[in-house]
């Protein structure tokens, strides 16, 4: 067997082994889209139950949630602490931002739609970066949720908010480039 030279080649080999048709989306990418939709179904069931007063909608939530958890375990079999929950929220946020972008596009607001699509993709890339251990989260620490701590955190965030091409944006660009190459859904 030929030695694997880089991450892209490794991911392509793994994906090739999972695909029935090499022009299909990779199995893991297909699964993430399915998981996004299951999260959306959970949300819709809750809102439908609240709007209609029909508790039958609420009763379906656990069934959908259990399916979503089983499918997430196929993509995230080993996870540490909050990675599972963060992953779920990254996928959910990616889909919601994309849906808002789609609505803006249908209203003719192309610029806003394109910006939202870019943000949606950024969230999706973060999901893959987190689950492929490409994001350094070793410095993430739990802080007590006090007003004083929240003010300190707010000041820190304001200091690092990117105003031009800053280091966090460069890292995000590298992550996006990696996802474009490694999680390739458009093999032609």
C-alpha atoms as a PDB file:
ATOM      1  CA  UNK A   1       0.000   0.000   0.000  1.00  0.00           C
ATOM      2  CA  UNK A   2       1.269   3.461  -0.926  1.00  0.00           C
ATOM      3  CA  UNK A   3       2.337   5.727   1.963  1.00  0.00           C
ATOM      4  CA  UNK A   4      -0.088   8.592   2.667  1.00  0.00           C
ATOM      5  CA  UNK A   5       1.642  11.917   2.030  1.00  0.00           C
ATOM      6  CA  UNK A   6      -0.757  14.468   3.574  1.00  0.00           C
ATOM      7  CA  UNK A   7      -4.056  15.020   5.405  1.00  0.00           C
ATOM      8  CA  UNK A   8      -5.963  15.632   2.179  1.00  0.00           C
ATOM      9  CA  UNK A   9      -4.878  12.286   0.764  1.00  0.00           C
ATOM     10  CA  UNK A  10      -5.768  10.543   4.033  1.00  0.00           C
ATOM     11  CA  UNK A  11      -9.278  12.021   4.097  1.00  0.00           C
ATOM     12  CA  UNK A  12      -9.791  11.217   0.412  1.00  0.00           C
ATOM     13  CA  UNK A  13      -8.847   7.573   1.013  1.00  0.00           C
ATOM     14  CA  UNK A  14     -11.172   7.311   4.003  1.00  0.00           C
ATOM     15  CA  UNK A  15     -13.992   8.974   2.061  1.00  0.00           C
ATOM     16  CA  UNK A  16     -13.419   6.736  -0.966  1.00  0.00           C
ATOM     17  CA  UNK A  17     -13.854   3.697   1.247  1.00  0.00           C
ATOM     18  CA  UNK A  18     -17.188   5.020   2.519  1.00  0.00           C
ATOM     19  CA  UNK A  19     -18.726   6.024  -0.811  1.00  0.00           C
ATOM     20  CA  UNK A  20     -20.826   3.935  -3.099  1.00  0.00           C
ATOM     21  CA  UNK A  21     -20.518   6.545  -5.816  1.00  0.00           C
ATOM     22  CA  UNK A  22     -17.273   8.567  -5.823  1.00  0.00           C
ATOM     23  CA  UNK A  23     -19.185  11.662  -7.011  1.00  0.00           C
ATOM     24  CA  UNK A  24     -21.439  11.636  -3.913  1.00  0.00           C
ATOM     25  CA  UNK A  25     -20.835  13.751  -0.836  1.00  0.00           C
ATOM     26  CA  UNK A  26     -18.616  12.009   1.657  1.00  0.00           C
ATOM     27  CA  UNK A  27     -20.570   9.880   4.106  1.00  0.00           C
ATOM     28  CA  UNK A  28     -19.560  12.040   7.068  1.00  0.00           C
ATOM     29  CA  UNK A  29     -20.545  15.223   5.299  1.00  0.00           C
ATOM     30  CA  UNK A  30     -23.895  13.711   4.324  1.00  0.00           C
ATOM     31  CA  UNK A  31     -24.335  12.693   7.954  1.00  0.00           C
ATOM     32  CA  UNK A  32     -23.661  16.225   9.228  1.00  0.00           C
ATOM     33  CA  UNK A  33     -26.337  17.618   6.908  1.00  0.00           C
ATOM     34  CA  UNK A  34     -28.763  14.964   8.165  1.00  0.00           C
ATOM     35  CA  UNK A  35     -27.904  15.820  11.767  1.00  0.00           C
ATOM     36  CA  UNK A  36     -28.484  19.515  11.068  1.00  0.00           C
ATOM     37  CA  UNK A  37     -31.947  18.671   9.805  1.00  0.00           C
ATOM     38  CA  UNK A  38     -32.717  16.482  12.822  1.00  0.00           C
ATOM     39  CA  UNK A  39     -31.760  19.361  15.134  1.00  0.00           C
ATOM     40  CA  UNK A  40     -34.085  21.554  13.102  1.00  0.00           C
ATOM     41  CA  UNK A  41     -36.890  18.999  13.447  1.00  0.00           C
ATOM     42  CA  UNK A  42     -36.404  18.974  17.242  1.00  0.00           C
ATOM     43  CA  UNK A  43     -36.780  22.762  17.262  1.00  0.00           C
ATOM     44  CA  UNK A  44     -39.833  22.707  14.995  1.00  0.00           C
ATOM     45  CA  UNK A  45     -41.556  20.089  17.142  1.00  0.00           C
ATOM     46  CA  UNK A  46     -41.117  22.258  20.224  1.00  0.00           C
ATOM     47  CA  UNK A  47     -42.419  25.395  18.484  1.00  0.00           C
ATOM     48  CA  UNK A  48     -45.294  23.492  16.862  1.00  0.00           C
ATOM     49  CA  UNK A  49     -46.310  22.109  20.254  1.00  0.00           C
ATOM     50  CA  UNK A  50     -46.166  25.566  21.804  1.00  0.00           C
ATOM     51  CA  UNK A  51     -48.075  27.253  18.960  1.00  0.00           C
ATOM     52  CA  UNK A  52     -50.821  24.645  18.692  1.00  0.00           C
ATOM     53  CA  UNK A  53     -51.041  23.443  22.283  1.00  0.00           C
ATOM     54  CA  UNK A  54     -50.829  19.867  20.977  1.00  0.00           C
ATOM     55  CA  UNK A  55     -48.482  17.926  23.266  1.00  0.00           C
ATOM     56  CA  UNK A  56     -48.115  15.198  20.645  1.00  0.00           C
ATOM     57  CA  UNK A  57     -45.463  17.388  19.024  1.00  0.00           C
ATOM     58  CA  UNK A  58     -43.505  17.442  22.287  1.00  0.00           C
ATOM     59  CA  UNK A  59     -43.795  13.674  22.575  1.00  0.00           C
ATOM     60  CA  UNK A  60     -41.939  13.201  19.275  1.00  0.00           C
ATOM     61  CA  UNK A  61     -38.923  15.241  20.395  1.00  0.00           C
ATOM     62  CA  UNK A  62     -37.258  12.398  22.325  1.00  0.00           C
ATOM     63  CA  UNK A  63     -37.551  10.022  19.385  1.00  0.00           C
ATOM     64  CA  UNK A  64     -35.887  12.514  17.022  1.00  0.00           C
ATOM     65  CA  UNK A  65     -33.310  13.465  19.664  1.00  0.00           C
ATOM     66  CA  UNK A  66     -32.334   9.810  20.224  1.00  0.00           C
ATOM     67  CA  UNK A  67     -31.854   9.316  16.477  1.00  0.00           C
ATOM     68  CA  UNK A  68     -29.774  12.505  16.280  1.00  0.00           C
ATOM     69  CA  UNK A  69     -27.570  11.347  19.170  1.00  0.00           C
ATOM     70  CA  UNK A  70     -27.000   7.923  17.576  1.00  0.00           C
ATOM     71  CA  UNK A  71     -26.026   9.522  14.279  1.00  0.00           C
ATOM     72  CA  UNK A  72     -23.732  12.049  15.962  1.00  0.00           C
ATOM     73  CA  UNK A  73     -21.903   9.156  17.619  1.00  0.00           C
ATOM     74  CA  UNK A  74     -20.997   7.902  14.150  1.00  0.00           C
ATOM     75  CA  UNK A  75     -19.147  11.160  13.458  1.00  0.00           C
ATOM     76  CA  UNK A  76     -17.982  11.969  16.985  1.00  0.00           C
ATOM     77  CA  UNK A  77     -17.369   8.536  18.554  1.00  0.00           C
ATOM     78  CA  UNK A  78     -14.857   9.816  21.123  1.00  0.00           C
ATOM     79  CA  UNK A  79     -15.390  13.217  22.584  1.00  0.00           C
ATOM     80  CA  UNK A  80     -14.142  15.143  25.547  1.00  0.00           C
ATOM     81  CA  UNK A  81     -16.491  17.058  27.812  1.00  0.00           C
ATOM     82  CA  UNK A  82     -18.155  19.909  26.021  1.00  0.00           C
ATOM     83  CA  UNK A  83     -16.974  18.953  22.513  1.00  0.00           C
ATOM     84  CA  UNK A  84     -20.194  17.008  21.913  1.00  0.00           C
ATOM     85  CA  UNK A  85     -22.459  19.901  22.853  1.00  0.00           C
ATOM     86  CA  UNK A  86     -20.329  22.489  21.075  1.00  0.00           C
ATOM     87  CA  UNK A  87     -20.371  20.311  17.957  1.00  0.00           C
ATOM     88  CA  UNK A  88     -24.155  20.066  18.045  1.00  0.00           C
ATOM     89  CA  UNK A  89     -24.502  23.817  18.429  1.00  0.00           C
ATOM     90  CA  UNK A  90     -21.995  24.535  15.651  1.00  0.00           C
ATOM     91  CA  UNK A  91     -24.019  22.372  13.256  1.00  0.00           C
ATOM     92  CA  UNK A  92     -27.317  23.869  14.390  1.00  0.00           C
ATOM     93  CA  UNK A  93     -25.977  27.416  14.091  1.00  0.00           C
ATOM     94  CA  UNK A  94     -24.482  26.720  10.689  1.00  0.00           C
ATOM     95  CA  UNK A  95     -27.845  25.546   9.400  1.00  0.00           C
ATOM     96  CA  UNK A  96     -29.829  28.398  10.939  1.00  0.00           C
ATOM     97  CA  UNK A  97     -27.462  31.054   9.571  1.00  0.00           C
ATOM     98  CA  UNK A  98     -27.646  29.372   6.156  1.00  0.00           C
ATOM     99  CA  UNK A  99     -31.464  29.429   6.295  1.00  0.00           C
ATOM    100  CA  UNK A 100     -31.459  33.142   7.116  1.00  0.00           C
ATOM    101  CA  UNK A 101     -29.069  33.648   4.200  1.00  0.00           C
ATOM    102  CA  UNK A 102     -31.442  31.756   1.927  1.00  0.00           C
ATOM    103  CA  UNK A 103     -34.330  33.977   3.036  1.00  0.00           C
ATOM    104  CA  UNK A 104     -32.243  37.090   2.364  1.00  0.00           C
ATOM    105  CA  UNK A 105     -31.357  35.737  -1.071  1.00  0.00           C
ATOM    106  CA  UNK A 106     -35.043  35.175  -1.885  1.00  0.00           C
ATOM    107  CA  UNK A 107     -35.703  38.796  -0.860  1.00  0.00           C
ATOM    108  CA  UNK A 108     -33.052  39.958  -3.313  1.00  0.00           C
ATOM    109  CA  UNK A 109     -30.545  40.932  -0.620  1.00  0.00           C
ATOM    110  CA  UNK A 110     -27.604  39.183  -2.261  1.00  0.00           C
ATOM    111  CA  UNK A 111     -24.811  40.931  -0.370  1.00  0.00           C
ATOM    112  CA  UNK A 112     -26.322  40.098   3.023  1.00  0.00           C
ATOM    113  CA  UNK A 113     -27.126  36.559   1.881  1.00  0.00           C
ATOM    114  CA  UNK A 114     -23.557  35.947   0.709  1.00  0.00           C
ATOM    115  CA  UNK A 115     -22.175  37.239   3.999  1.00  0.00           C
ATOM    116  CA  UNK A 116     -24.499  34.924   5.922  1.00  0.00           C
ATOM    117  CA  UNK A 117     -23.522  31.957   3.732  1.00  0.00           C
ATOM    118  CA  UNK A 118     -19.873  32.710   4.478  1.00  0.00           C
ATOM    119  CA  UNK A 119     -20.605  32.822   8.226  1.00  0.00           C
ATOM    120  CA  UNK A 120     -22.533  29.556   7.974  1.00  0.00           C
ATOM    121  CA  UNK A 121     -19.566  27.933   6.264  1.00  0.00           C
ATOM    122  CA  UNK A 122     -17.219  29.334   8.923  1.00  0.00           C
ATOM    123  CA  UNK A 123     -19.294  27.609  11.607  1.00  0.00           C
ATOM    124  CA  UNK A 124     -19.267  24.372   9.617  1.00  0.00           C
ATOM    125  CA  UNK A 125     -15.480  24.591   9.304  1.00  0.00           C
ATOM    126  CA  UNK A 126     -15.213  25.126  13.045  1.00  0.00           C
ATOM    127  CA  UNK A 127     -17.195  21.920  13.553  1.00  0.00           C
ATOM    128  CA  UNK A 128     -14.721  19.948  11.453  1.00  0.00           C
ATOM    129  CA  UNK A 129     -11.728  21.722  12.986  1.00  0.00           C
ATOM    130  CA  UNK A 130     -12.930  20.867  16.476  1.00  0.00           C
ATOM    131  CA  UNK A 131     -13.631  17.245  15.639  1.00  0.00           C
ATOM    132  CA  UNK A 132     -10.430  16.691  13.671  1.00  0.00           C
ATOM    133  CA  UNK A 133      -8.418  18.157  16.586  1.00  0.00           C
ATOM    134  CA  UNK A 134      -7.262  21.082  14.478  1.00  0.00           C
ATOM    135  CA  UNK A 135      -8.415  23.734  16.952  1.00  0.00           C
ATOM    136  CA  UNK A 136      -6.335  24.333  20.058  1.00  0.00           C
ATOM    137  CA  UNK A 137      -8.820  24.339  22.907  1.00  0.00           C
ATOM    138  CA  UNK A 138      -6.302  23.581  25.647  1.00  0.00           C
ATOM    139  CA  UNK A 139      -6.494  27.176  26.871  1.00  0.00           C
ATOM    140  CA  UNK A 140     -10.267  27.056  27.292  1.00  0.00           C
ATOM    141  CA  UNK A 141     -11.083  27.212  30.991  1.00  0.00           C
ATOM    142  CA  UNK A 142     -14.301  27.352  32.942  1.00  0.00           C
ATOM    143  CA  UNK A 143     -14.907  30.721  34.565  1.00  0.00           C
ATOM    144  CA  UNK A 144     -17.392  31.450  37.302  1.00  0.00           C
ATOM    145  CA  UNK A 145     -20.383  33.247  35.940  1.00  0.00           C
ATOM    146  CA  UNK A 146     -20.203  36.405  38.053  1.00  0.00           C
ATOM    147  CA  UNK A 147     -20.908  39.940  36.888  1.00  0.00           C
ATOM    148  CA  UNK A 148     -17.288  40.914  37.482  1.00  0.00           C
ATOM    149  CA  UNK A 149     -16.005  37.969  35.444  1.00  0.00           C
ATOM    150  CA  UNK A 150     -18.484  38.702  32.650  1.00  0.00           C
ATOM    151  CA  UNK A 151     -17.294  42.325  32.475  1.00  0.00           C
ATOM    152  CA  UNK A 152     -13.673  41.124  32.266  1.00  0.00           C
ATOM    153  CA  UNK A 153     -14.596  38.660  29.554  1.00  0.00           C
ATOM    154  CA  UNK A 154     -16.490  41.329  27.624  1.00  0.00           C
ATOM    155  CA  UNK A 155     -13.435  43.618  27.710  1.00  0.00           C
ATOM    156  CA  UNK A 156     -11.175  40.785  26.518  1.00  0.00           C
ATOM    157  CA  UNK A 157     -13.532  40.003  23.651  1.00  0.00           C
ATOM    158  CA  UNK A 158     -13.655  43.652  22.590  1.00  0.00           C
ATOM    159  CA  UNK A 159      -9.848  43.773  22.541  1.00  0.00           C
ATOM    160  CA  UNK A 160      -9.541  40.764  20.236  1.00  0.00           C
ATOM    161  CA  UNK A 161     -12.493  41.451  17.964  1.00  0.00           C
ATOM    162  CA  UNK A 162     -10.981  41.509  14.486  1.00  0.00           C
ATOM    163  CA  UNK A 163     -11.087  44.881  12.802  1.00  0.00           C
ATOM    164  CA  UNK A 164      -8.784  43.952   9.941  1.00  0.00           C
ATOM    165  CA  UNK A 165      -6.948  40.806   8.835  1.00  0.00           C
ATOM    166  CA  UNK A 166      -5.877  39.736  12.337  1.00  0.00           C
ATOM    167  CA  UNK A 167      -4.346  36.483  13.538  1.00  0.00           C
ATOM    168  CA  UNK A 168      -7.716  34.830  14.386  1.00  0.00           C
ATOM    169  CA  UNK A 169      -8.949  35.602  10.881  1.00  0.00           C
ATOM    170  CA  UNK A 170      -5.786  34.104   9.378  1.00  0.00           C
ATOM    171  CA  UNK A 171      -6.331  30.932  11.414  1.00  0.00           C
ATOM    172  CA  UNK A 172      -9.953  30.810  10.271  1.00  0.00           C
ATOM    173  CA  UNK A 173      -8.799  31.148   6.662  1.00  0.00           C
ATOM    174  CA  UNK A 174      -6.360  28.256   7.109  1.00  0.00           C
ATOM    175  CA  UNK A 175      -9.105  26.123   8.641  1.00  0.00           C
ATOM    176  CA  UNK A 176     -11.472  26.938   5.797  1.00  0.00           C
ATOM    177  CA  UNK A 177      -8.795  26.049   3.261  1.00  0.00           C
ATOM    178  CA  UNK A 178      -8.234  22.716   4.996  1.00  0.00           C
ATOM    179  CA  UNK A 179     -11.962  21.920   4.993  1.00  0.00           C
ATOM    180  CA  UNK A 180     -12.219  22.890   1.306  1.00  0.00           C
ATOM    181  CA  UNK A 181      -9.519  20.379   0.485  1.00  0.00           C
ATOM    182  CA  UNK A 182     -10.067  17.605   3.014  1.00  0.00           C
ATOM    183  CA  UNK A 183     -13.871  17.512   3.223  1.00  0.00           C
ATOM    184  CA  UNK A 184     -14.378  17.746  -0.491  1.00  0.00           C
ATOM    185  CA  UNK A 185     -17.984  17.263  -1.485  1.00  0.00           C
ATOM    186  CA  UNK A 186     -17.529  17.986  -5.168  1.00  0.00           C
ATOM    187  CA  UNK A 187     -15.159  15.430  -6.589  1.00  0.00           C
ATOM    188  CA  UNK A 188     -15.379  15.712 -10.373  1.00  0.00           C
END
